[in-house]
Amino acid sequence: MSERARKGFGPLRIRAELRDKGLSDAAIDPQLHAMNDAWPALLTQAHDRRFGPAPPTDHADQGRRGRFLESRGFPAELIHRLLRRHD
């Protein structure tokens, strides 16, 4: 699981992948919960790896970045918090 997180995937995507492999939520939840403090930093790394540390240039760019991060499986609340730091 931590390997997928290091590759830039968020908890929602990891949960879906593990469910597809047949694991139950009871087995998945403790592992994801243990990483709660790490998700914001992993989100920032995924963002900066793709877009660099520069802020979005306009609203369309901000939307593009948000959609990319959502597709990687990060929660909307964390994405909004990250993108708002650039405002």
C-alpha atoms as a PDB file:
ATOM      1  CA  MET A   1       0.000   0.000   0.000  1.00  0.00           C
ATOM      2  CA  SER A   2       2.723   2.478   0.858  1.00  0.00           C
ATOM      3  CA  GLU A   3       4.345   1.721  -2.504  1.00  0.00           C
ATOM      4  CA  ARG A   4       1.206   2.912  -4.303  1.00  0.00           C
ATOM      5  CA  ALA A   5       1.139   6.016  -2.091  1.00  0.00           C
ATOM      6  CA  ARG A   6       4.771   6.787  -2.921  1.00  0.00           C
ATOM      7  CA  LYS A   7       3.895   6.502  -6.609  1.00  0.00           C
ATOM      8  CA  GLY A   8       1.393   9.329  -6.168  1.00  0.00           C
ATOM      9  CA  PHE A   9      -1.899   7.546  -5.590  1.00  0.00           C
ATOM     10  CA  GLY A  10      -4.331   8.677  -2.912  1.00  0.00           C
ATOM     11  CA  PRO A  11      -6.405   6.771  -0.371  1.00  0.00           C
ATOM     12  CA  LEU A  12      -9.552   6.589  -2.490  1.00  0.00           C
ATOM     13  CA  ARG A  13      -7.744   4.979  -5.413  1.00  0.00           C
ATOM     14  CA  ILE A  14      -5.777   2.619  -3.168  1.00  0.00           C
ATOM     15  CA  ARG A  15      -8.982   1.554  -1.386  1.00  0.00           C
ATOM     16  CA  ALA A  16     -10.675   0.826  -4.729  1.00  0.00           C
ATOM     17  CA  GLU A  17      -7.708  -1.208  -5.951  1.00  0.00           C
ATOM     18  CA  LEU A  18      -7.598  -3.253  -2.749  1.00  0.00           C
ATOM     19  CA  ARG A  19     -11.361  -3.875  -2.898  1.00  0.00           C
ATOM     20  CA  ASP A  20     -10.933  -5.081  -6.471  1.00  0.00           C
ATOM     21  CA  LYS A  21      -8.372  -7.574  -5.179  1.00  0.00           C
ATOM     22  CA  GLY A  22     -10.930  -8.901  -2.695  1.00  0.00           C
ATOM     23  CA  LEU A  23      -9.842  -7.256   0.559  1.00  0.00           C
ATOM     24  CA  SER A  24     -12.540  -6.149   2.964  1.00  0.00           C
ATOM     25  CA  ASP A  25     -12.943  -2.648   4.368  1.00  0.00           C
ATOM     26  CA  ALA A  26     -12.111  -4.077   7.792  1.00  0.00           C
ATOM     27  CA  ALA A  27      -8.674  -5.037   6.479  1.00  0.00           C
ATOM     28  CA  ILE A  28      -8.130  -1.843   4.479  1.00  0.00           C
ATOM     29  CA  ASP A  29      -9.297   0.831   6.942  1.00  0.00           C
ATOM     30  CA  PRO A  30      -6.591   0.409   9.612  1.00  0.00           C
ATOM     31  CA  GLN A  31      -3.844   0.633   7.002  1.00  0.00           C
ATOM     32  CA  LEU A  32      -5.245   3.761   5.375  1.00  0.00           C
ATOM     33  CA  HIS A  33      -6.018   5.343   8.741  1.00  0.00           C
ATOM     34  CA  ALA A  34      -2.418   4.819   9.855  1.00  0.00           C
ATOM     35  CA  MET A  35      -1.324   7.046   6.977  1.00  0.00           C
ATOM     36  CA  ASN A  36      -3.767   9.918   7.679  1.00  0.00           C
ATOM     37  CA  ASP A  37      -0.989  12.312   8.648  1.00  0.00           C
ATOM     38  CA  ALA A  38       1.002  11.490   5.505  1.00  0.00           C
ATOM     39  CA  TRP A  39      -1.722  12.117   2.884  1.00  0.00           C
ATOM     40  CA  PRO A  40      -1.290  15.929   2.662  1.00  0.00           C
ATOM     41  CA  ALA A  41       2.456  15.563   2.026  1.00  0.00           C
ATOM     42  CA  LEU A  42       1.886  12.777  -0.503  1.00  0.00           C
ATOM     43  CA  LEU A  43      -0.701  14.939  -2.270  1.00  0.00           C
ATOM     44  CA  THR A  44       1.769  17.833  -2.453  1.00  0.00           C
ATOM     45  CA  GLN A  45       4.439  15.517  -3.862  1.00  0.00           C
ATOM     46  CA  ALA A  46       2.063  14.177  -6.532  1.00  0.00           C
ATOM     47  CA  HIS A  47       1.040  17.729  -7.452  1.00  0.00           C
ATOM     48  CA  ASP A  48       4.578  19.087  -7.593  1.00  0.00           C
ATOM     49  CA  ARG A  49       5.859  16.086  -9.546  1.00  0.00           C
ATOM     50  CA  ARG A  50       3.260  16.737 -12.258  1.00  0.00           C
ATOM     51  CA  PHE A  51       2.932  20.545 -12.197  1.00  0.00           C
ATOM     52  CA  GLY A  52       5.911  21.850 -10.241  1.00  0.00           C
ATOM     53  CA  PRO A  53       5.655  24.096  -7.187  1.00  0.00           C
ATOM     54  CA  ALA A  54       4.332  27.128  -9.093  1.00  0.00           C
ATOM     55  CA  PRO A  55       0.732  28.154  -8.401  1.00  0.00           C
ATOM     56  CA  PRO A  56      -2.010  27.658 -11.000  1.00  0.00           C
ATOM     57  CA  THR A  57      -1.961  30.360 -13.656  1.00  0.00           C
ATOM     58  CA  ASP A  58      -5.760  30.748 -13.847  1.00  0.00           C
ATOM     59  CA  HIS A  59      -9.049  29.122 -12.927  1.00  0.00           C
ATOM     60  CA  ALA A  60      -8.855  26.638 -15.819  1.00  0.00           C
ATOM     61  CA  ASP A  61      -5.380  25.532 -14.732  1.00  0.00           C
ATOM     62  CA  GLN A  62      -6.611  25.122 -11.163  1.00  0.00           C
ATOM     63  CA  GLY A  63      -9.465  22.927 -12.424  1.00  0.00           C
ATOM     64  CA  ARG A  64      -7.093  20.837 -14.529  1.00  0.00           C
ATOM     65  CA  ARG A  65      -4.851  20.255 -11.523  1.00  0.00           C
ATOM     66  CA  GLY A  66      -7.807  19.365  -9.326  1.00  0.00           C
ATOM     67  CA  ARG A  67      -9.150  16.847 -11.841  1.00  0.00           C
ATOM     68  CA  PHE A  68      -5.739  15.205 -12.148  1.00  0.00           C
ATOM     69  CA  LEU A  69      -5.403  14.844  -8.378  1.00  0.00           C
ATOM     70  CA  GLU A  70      -8.958  13.485  -8.101  1.00  0.00           C
ATOM     71  CA  SER A  71      -8.133  10.890 -10.746  1.00  0.00           C
ATOM     72  CA  ARG A  72      -5.164   9.852  -8.617  1.00  0.00           C
ATOM     73  CA  GLY A  73      -7.550   9.134  -5.738  1.00  0.00           C
ATOM     74  CA  PHE A  74      -7.083  12.058  -3.378  1.00  0.00           C
ATOM     75  CA  PRO A  75     -10.093  13.401  -1.457  1.00  0.00           C
ATOM     76  CA  ALA A  76     -11.609  16.660  -2.698  1.00  0.00           C
ATOM     77  CA  GLU A  77     -11.122  18.356   0.691  1.00  0.00           C
ATOM     78  CA  LEU A  78      -7.346  17.806   0.605  1.00  0.00           C
ATOM     79  CA  ILE A  79      -7.162  18.941  -3.024  1.00  0.00           C
ATOM     80  CA  HIS A  80      -9.064  22.154  -2.281  1.00  0.00           C
ATOM     81  CA  ARG A  81      -6.817  22.843   0.688  1.00  0.00           C
ATOM     82  CA  LEU A  82      -3.703  22.375  -1.463  1.00  0.00           C
ATOM     83  CA  LEU A  83      -4.951  24.527  -4.322  1.00  0.00           C
ATOM     84  CA  ARG A  84      -6.168  27.265  -1.939  1.00  0.00           C
ATOM     85  CA  ARG A  85      -2.683  27.641  -0.490  1.00  0.00           C
ATOM     86  CA  HIS A  86      -1.702  29.172  -3.830  1.00  0.00           C
ATOM     87  CA  ASP A  87      -4.465  31.834  -3.688  1.00  0.00           C
END
